[in-house]
C-alpha atoms as a PDB file:
ATOM      1  CA  MET A   1      78.274 115.895 235.809  1.00  0.00           C
ATOM      2  CA  LEU A   2      80.324 117.989 236.479  1.00  0.00           C
ATOM      3  CA  ALA A   3      80.319 117.952 240.558  1.00  0.00           C
ATOM      4  CA  ASP A   4      80.829 114.295 240.648  1.00  0.00           C
ATOM      5  CA  TYR A   5      84.378 115.439 238.457  1.00  0.00           C
ATOM      6  CA  ILE A   6      85.306 118.300 240.708  1.00  0.00           C
ATOM      7  CA  ARG A   7      84.620 116.119 243.750  1.00  0.00           C
ATOM      8  CA  GLU A   8      87.107 113.240 242.577  1.00  0.00           C
ATOM      9  CA  TYR A   9      89.351 115.899 241.598  1.00  0.00           C
ATOM     10  CA  VAL A  10      89.760 117.074 245.069  1.00  0.00           C
ATOM     11  CA  LYS A  11      89.906 113.926 246.389  1.00  0.00           C
ATOM     12  CA  GLY A  12      92.566 112.938 244.005  1.00  0.00           C
ATOM     13  CA  GLU A  13      94.984 115.491 245.561  1.00  0.00           C
ATOM     14  CA  CYS A  14      93.767 115.596 249.122  1.00  0.00           C
ATOM     15  CA  GLY A  15      94.949 111.912 248.611  1.00  0.00           C
ATOM     16  CA  ASN A  16      98.714 112.887 248.329  1.00  0.00           C
ATOM     17  CA  SER A  17      98.937 113.424 251.981  1.00  0.00           C
ATOM     18  CA  ALA A  18      97.821 111.966 254.929  1.00  0.00           C
ATOM     19  CA  LEU A  19      96.842 115.084 256.330  1.00  0.00           C
ATOM     20  CA  GLY A  20      94.634 116.076 252.930  1.00  0.00           C
ATOM     21  CA  ARG A  21      93.360 112.511 253.412  1.00  0.00           C
ATOM     22  CA  GLU A  22      91.660 113.328 256.644  1.00  0.00           C
ATOM     23  CA  PHE A  23      90.779 117.132 255.808  1.00  0.00           C
ATOM     24  CA  TYR A  24      88.878 115.302 253.098  1.00  0.00           C
ATOM     25  CA  GLU A  25      87.030 112.684 254.796  1.00  0.00           C
ATOM     26  CA  ASN A  26      86.324 115.466 258.170  1.00  0.00           C
ATOM     27  CA  HIS A  27      85.759 118.229 256.395  1.00  0.00           C
ATOM     28  CA  LEU A  28      85.036 118.703 252.750  1.00  0.00           C
ATOM     29  CA  ILE A  29      82.532 115.939 252.359  1.00  0.00           C
ATOM     30  CA  LEU A  30      81.001 117.348 255.378  1.00  0.00           C
ATOM     31  CA  VAL A  31      80.810 120.810 254.244  1.00  0.00           C
ATOM     32  CA  ALA A  32      79.259 118.766 250.938  1.00  0.00           C
ATOM     33  CA  HIS A  33      76.990 116.798 252.610  1.00  0.00           C
ATOM     34  CA  TYR A  34      75.242 119.445 255.121  1.00  0.00           C
ATOM     35  CA  GLY A  35      75.647 122.122 252.331  1.00  0.00           C
ATOM     36  CA  ILE A  36      73.911 120.496 249.939  1.00  0.00           C
ATOM     37  CA  LYS A  37      71.123 119.357 252.589  1.00  0.00           C
ATOM     38  CA  LEU A  38      70.588 122.957 253.550  1.00  0.00           C
ATOM     39  CA  ALA A  39      70.460 123.437 249.166  1.00  0.00           C
ATOM     40  CA  MET A  40      68.008 121.684 249.412  1.00  0.00           C
ATOM     41  CA  GLU A  41      65.562 122.761 251.830  1.00  0.00           C
ATOM     42  CA  THR A  42      66.028 126.601 251.330  1.00  0.00           C
ATOM     43  CA  GLY A  43      65.871 126.266 247.412  1.00  0.00           C
ATOM     44  CA  ALA A  44      69.380 127.638 246.990  1.00  0.00           C
ATOM     45  CA  ASP A  45      71.397 125.781 244.383  1.00  0.00           C
ATOM     46  CA  PRO A  46      72.466 122.516 245.168  1.00  0.00           C
ATOM     47  CA  GLU A  47      74.522 122.871 241.961  1.00  0.00           C
ATOM     48  CA  ILE A  48      76.608 125.882 243.305  1.00  0.00           C
ATOM     49  CA  VAL A  49      76.443 125.071 247.092  1.00  0.00           C
ATOM     50  CA  GLU A  50      78.202 121.883 246.011  1.00  0.00           C
ATOM     51  CA  LEU A  51      80.746 122.893 243.884  1.00  0.00           C
ATOM     52  CA  ALA A  52      81.676 125.748 246.160  1.00  0.00           C
ATOM     53  CA  ALA A  53      82.259 122.400 249.699  1.00  0.00           C
ATOM     54  CA  TYR A  54      84.290 120.769 247.805  1.00  0.00           C
ATOM     55  CA  LEU A  55      86.490 123.933 246.418  1.00  0.00           C
ATOM     56  CA  HIS A  56      85.863 126.204 249.409  1.00  0.00           C
ATOM     57  CA  ASP A  57      89.363 125.247 251.440  1.00  0.00           C
ATOM     58  CA  PHE A  58      91.194 123.044 248.742  1.00  0.00           C
ATOM     59  CA  SER A  59      93.624 125.839 248.424  1.00  0.00           C
ATOM     60  CA  PHE A  60      94.530 124.407 251.993  1.00  0.00           C
ATOM     61  CA  VAL A  61      95.572 121.054 251.017  1.00  0.00           C
ATOM     62  CA  ILE A  62      98.050 122.552 247.927  1.00  0.00           C
ATOM     63  CA  ASP A  63      99.288 124.965 250.227  1.00  0.00           C
ATOM     64  CA  ASP A  64     100.042 122.851 253.095  1.00  0.00           C
ATOM     65  CA  MET A  65      97.172 124.320 255.455  1.00  0.00           C
ATOM     66  CA  ASP A  66      98.349 128.238 254.894  1.00  0.00           C
ATOM     67  CA  MET A  67      95.270 130.405 255.963  1.00  0.00           C
ATOM     68  CA  LYS A  68      96.226 133.356 254.727  1.00  0.00           C
ATOM     69  CA  GLN A  69      94.392 134.498 251.957  1.00  0.00           C
ATOM     70  CA  HIS A  70      92.680 131.046 251.968  1.00  0.00           C
ATOM     71  CA  GLU A  71      89.555 132.361 250.428  1.00  0.00           C
ATOM     72  CA  GLU A  72      90.757 134.786 247.869  1.00  0.00           C
ATOM     73  CA  LYS A  73      93.107 131.385 246.749  1.00  0.00           C
ATOM     74  CA  GLY A  74      90.718 129.043 246.699  1.00  0.00           C
ATOM     75  CA  VAL A  75      88.486 131.675 244.323  1.00  0.00           C
ATOM     76  CA  ALA A  76      91.590 131.360 242.134  1.00  0.00           C
ATOM     77  CA  ILE A  77      91.715 127.345 242.236  1.00  0.00           C
ATOM     78  CA  ALA A  78      87.500 127.048 241.465  1.00  0.00           C
ATOM     79  CA  ASP A  79      88.245 129.776 238.590  1.00  0.00           C
ATOM     80  CA  LYS A  80      90.645 128.019 236.960  1.00  0.00           C
ATOM     81  CA  LEU A  81      89.305 124.695 237.467  1.00  0.00           C
ATOM     82  CA  LEU A  82      85.487 125.466 236.541  1.00  0.00           C
ATOM     83  CA  ARG A  83      86.669 127.844 233.102  1.00  0.00           C
ATOM     84  CA  GLN A  84      88.011 124.804 232.045  1.00  0.00           C
ATOM     85  CA  PHE A  85      84.435 122.906 231.474  1.00  0.00           C
ATOM     86  CA  ASN A  86      83.115 126.813 229.649  1.00  0.00           C
ATOM     87  CA  TYR A  87      81.146 126.602 233.490  1.00  0.00           C
ATOM     88  CA  PRO A  88      78.087 129.416 232.667  1.00  0.00           C
ATOM     89  CA  PRO A  89      80.004 132.683 234.203  1.00  0.00           C
ATOM     90  CA  ASP A  90      77.093 133.911 235.873  1.00  0.00           C
ATOM     91  CA  LYS A  91      77.189 130.505 237.789  1.00  0.00           C
ATOM     92  CA  LEU A  92      81.197 130.555 238.248  1.00  0.00           C
ATOM     93  CA  GLU A  93      80.613 133.929 239.800  1.00  0.00           C
ATOM     94  CA  ARG A  94      78.230 132.372 242.150  1.00  0.00           C
ATOM     95  CA  VAL A  95      80.662 129.677 243.010  1.00  0.00           C
ATOM     96  CA  LYS A  96      83.469 132.408 243.583  1.00  0.00           C
ATOM     97  CA  ARG A  97      81.088 134.351 246.401  1.00  0.00           C
ATOM     98  CA  CYS A  98      80.321 131.247 248.181  1.00  0.00           C
ATOM     99  CA  ILE A  99      83.733 130.138 248.473  1.00  0.00           C
ATOM    100  CA  LEU A 100      85.386 134.405 249.221  1.00  0.00           C
ATOM    101  CA  ASN A 101      82.469 134.907 251.903  1.00  0.00           C
ATOM    102  CA  HIS A 102      82.520 130.938 253.465  1.00  0.00           C
ATOM    103  CA  SER A 103      84.527 132.267 256.619  1.00  0.00           C
ATOM    104  CA  SER A 104      82.189 135.058 257.910  1.00  0.00           C
ATOM    105  CA  ILE A 105      79.076 133.557 259.062  1.00  0.00           C
ATOM    106  CA  SER A 106      77.179 136.731 260.003  1.00  0.00           C
ATOM    107  CA  GLY A 107      78.537 137.689 256.682  1.00  0.00           C
ATOM    108  CA  ALA A 108      77.192 135.408 254.062  1.00  0.00           C
ATOM    109  CA  CYS A 109      73.807 135.333 256.047  1.00  0.00           C
ATOM    110  CA  GLY A 110      73.479 138.331 254.029  1.00  0.00           C
ATOM    111  CA  GLY A 111      74.061 137.134 250.636  1.00  0.00           C
ATOM    112  CA  SER A 112      72.672 135.023 248.368  1.00  0.00           C
ATOM    113  CA  PRO A 113      71.402 131.360 249.531  1.00  0.00           C
ATOM    114  CA  GLU A 114      73.911 129.584 248.348  1.00  0.00           C
ATOM    115  CA  GLU A 115      76.955 131.330 250.626  1.00  0.00           C
ATOM    116  CA  ALA A 116      74.188 130.758 253.378  1.00  0.00           C
ATOM    117  CA  CYS A 117      74.464 127.354 252.932  1.00  0.00           C
ATOM    118  CA  LEU A 118      78.357 127.063 252.327  1.00  0.00           C
ATOM    119  CA  ALA A 119      78.611 129.450 255.544  1.00  0.00           C
ATOM    120  CA  ASN A 120      76.322 126.768 257.301  1.00  0.00           C
ATOM    121  CA  ALA A 121      77.152 123.788 256.230  1.00  0.00           C
ATOM    122  CA  ASP A 122      81.215 125.113 257.322  1.00  0.00           C
ATOM    123  CA  ILE A 123      80.158 125.434 261.144  1.00  0.00           C
ATOM    124  CA  MET A 124      77.730 122.337 261.117  1.00  0.00           C
ATOM    125  CA  SER A 125      81.008 120.341 260.395  1.00  0.00           C
ATOM    126  CA  LEU A 126      83.556 121.617 263.064  1.00  0.00           C
ATOM    127  CA  ILE A 127      80.465 120.464 265.132  1.00  0.00           C
ATOM    128  CA  ALA A 128      80.506 117.334 263.588  1.00  0.00           C
ATOM    129  CA  LYS A 129      83.718 116.609 263.725  1.00  0.00           C
ATOM    130  CA  PRO A 130      85.197 118.381 267.310  1.00  0.00           C
ATOM    131  CA  ASP A 131      88.213 115.310 267.726  1.00  0.00           C
ATOM    132  CA  TYR A 132      89.339 116.303 264.391  1.00  0.00           C
ATOM    133  CA  TRP A 133      89.260 119.580 265.077  1.00  0.00           C
ATOM    134  CA  LEU A 134      90.986 119.951 268.414  1.00  0.00           C
ATOM    135  CA  LYS A 135      93.505 117.501 266.963  1.00  0.00           C
ATOM    136  CA  ILE A 136      94.404 119.408 264.104  1.00  0.00           C
ATOM    137  CA  PHE A 137      94.223 123.046 265.487  1.00  0.00           C
ATOM    138  CA  SER A 138      96.274 122.115 269.137  1.00  0.00           C
ATOM    139  CA  PRO A 139      99.777 121.477 268.927  1.00  0.00           C
ATOM    140  CA  ALA A 140     100.467 120.067 272.046  1.00  0.00           C
ATOM    141  CA  ASN A 141     102.330 123.697 273.708  1.00  0.00           C
ATOM    142  CA  GLN A 142      99.048 125.734 272.216  1.00  0.00           C
ATOM    143  CA  ALA A 143      96.014 122.749 273.132  1.00  0.00           C
ATOM    144  CA  GLU A 144      94.469 124.674 275.885  1.00  0.00           C
ATOM    145  CA  GLU A 145      94.440 127.552 273.901  1.00  0.00           C
ATOM    146  CA  ASN A 146      92.905 126.331 270.986  1.00  0.00           C
ATOM    147  CA  SER A 147      90.264 124.206 272.417  1.00  0.00           C
ATOM    148  CA  LYS A 148      88.946 127.772 274.098  1.00  0.00           C
ATOM    149  CA  TRP A 149      88.877 129.382 270.309  1.00  0.00           C
ATOM    150  CA  TYR A 150      87.337 126.157 269.229  1.00  0.00           C
ATOM    151  CA  TYR A 151      84.620 126.543 271.671  1.00  0.00           C
ATOM    152  CA  GLU A 152      84.069 130.405 271.524  1.00  0.00           C
ATOM    153  CA  LEU A 153      83.864 129.935 267.750  1.00  0.00           C
ATOM    154  CA  ILE A 154      81.414 127.249 268.014  1.00  0.00           C
ATOM    155  CA  GLU A 155      79.573 129.261 270.692  1.00  0.00           C
ATOM    156  CA  LYS A 156      79.784 132.265 269.114  1.00  0.00           C
ATOM    157  CA  SER A 157      78.550 130.755 265.484  1.00  0.00           C
ATOM    158  CA  TRP A 158      75.412 128.552 266.964  1.00  0.00           C
ATOM    159  CA  PRO A 159      72.911 131.424 267.178  1.00  0.00           C
ATOM    160  CA  LEU A 160      73.703 132.945 264.010  1.00  0.00           C
ATOM    161  CA  LEU A 161      73.129 129.509 261.911  1.00  0.00           C
ATOM    162  CA  MET A 162      70.234 129.513 260.088  1.00  0.00           C
ATOM    163  CA  PRO A 163      66.933 127.219 261.623  1.00  0.00           C
ATOM    164  CA  SER A 164      67.518 124.073 259.791  1.00  0.00           C
ATOM    165  CA  ALA A 165      71.406 124.089 260.570  1.00  0.00           C
ATOM    166  CA  ARG A 166      70.410 124.422 264.139  1.00  0.00           C
ATOM    167  CA  ALA A 167      67.678 121.337 264.142  1.00  0.00           C
ATOM    168  CA  ILE A 168      70.220 119.031 262.138  1.00  0.00           C
ATOM    169  CA  MET A 169      73.377 119.566 264.829  1.00  0.00           C
ATOM    170  CA  GLU A 170      71.274 119.835 267.909  1.00  0.00           C
ATOM    171  CA  ASP A 171      72.499 116.562 269.297  1.00  0.00           C
ATOM    172  CA  LYS A 172      75.876 117.363 268.366  1.00  0.00           C
ATOM    173  CA  TYR A 173      75.992 120.660 269.867  1.00  0.00           C
ATOM    174  CA  ASN A 174      74.872 119.473 273.069  1.00  0.00           C
ATOM    175  CA  GLU A 175      77.442 116.847 273.328  1.00  0.00           C
ATOM    176  CA  LEU A 176      80.216 119.659 272.765  1.00  0.00           C
ATOM    177  CA  LEU A 177      78.665 121.955 275.747  1.00  0.00           C
ATOM    178  CA  LYS A 178      78.714 118.757 277.485  1.00  0.00           C
ATOM    179  CA  MET A 179      82.601 118.033 276.353  1.00  0.00           C
ATOM    180  CA  LYS A 180      83.701 121.784 277.553  1.00  0.00           C
ATOM    181  CA  ALA A 181      82.728 121.729 280.618  1.00  0.00           C
ATOM    182  CA  PRO A 182      86.247 119.972 281.698  1.00  0.00           C
ATOM    183  CA  ILE A 183      87.851 122.333 280.027  1.00  0.00           C
ATOM    184  CA  GLU A 184      86.637 124.879 282.044  1.00  0.00           C
ATOM    185  CA  VAL A 185      87.411 123.859 285.344  1.00  0.00           C
END
């Protein structure tokens, strides 16, 4: 199965550094898990969502966490990898659209069901692992600013999540709101 190969390939490439391993374990596999779950609930194509989930932020690992144009870089990586397997062009385009639009939950939710599943799963992974995200985006001299950014992103994204995503993450989201309180004092 192609998704198994892509998962193992991404895992192997991420395993080349401690930062990559953490990123795989704390983000990519969670996005795949939640994305597949949402795809099954919504009737989206789980294969498209799973492939896009493993590849959507994979460019970070290759480019040392370079955020600039990571969507476009991810599309190019997915295109190269999936063409090697003669992946059907129509499905390849759907994977690429998911990757290109995953960073904007409001934009992705206006697209295909697969795009919505990936964008939702991406936010769900941020909610599931707050300690990881607060650590990775909070260098010592900017910890408070980045912590504020993280909580604002979650609060802004929460109402945009599809109802099934909110139902899955409700307890974690409520925990986050409790964690946030001391920061604002």
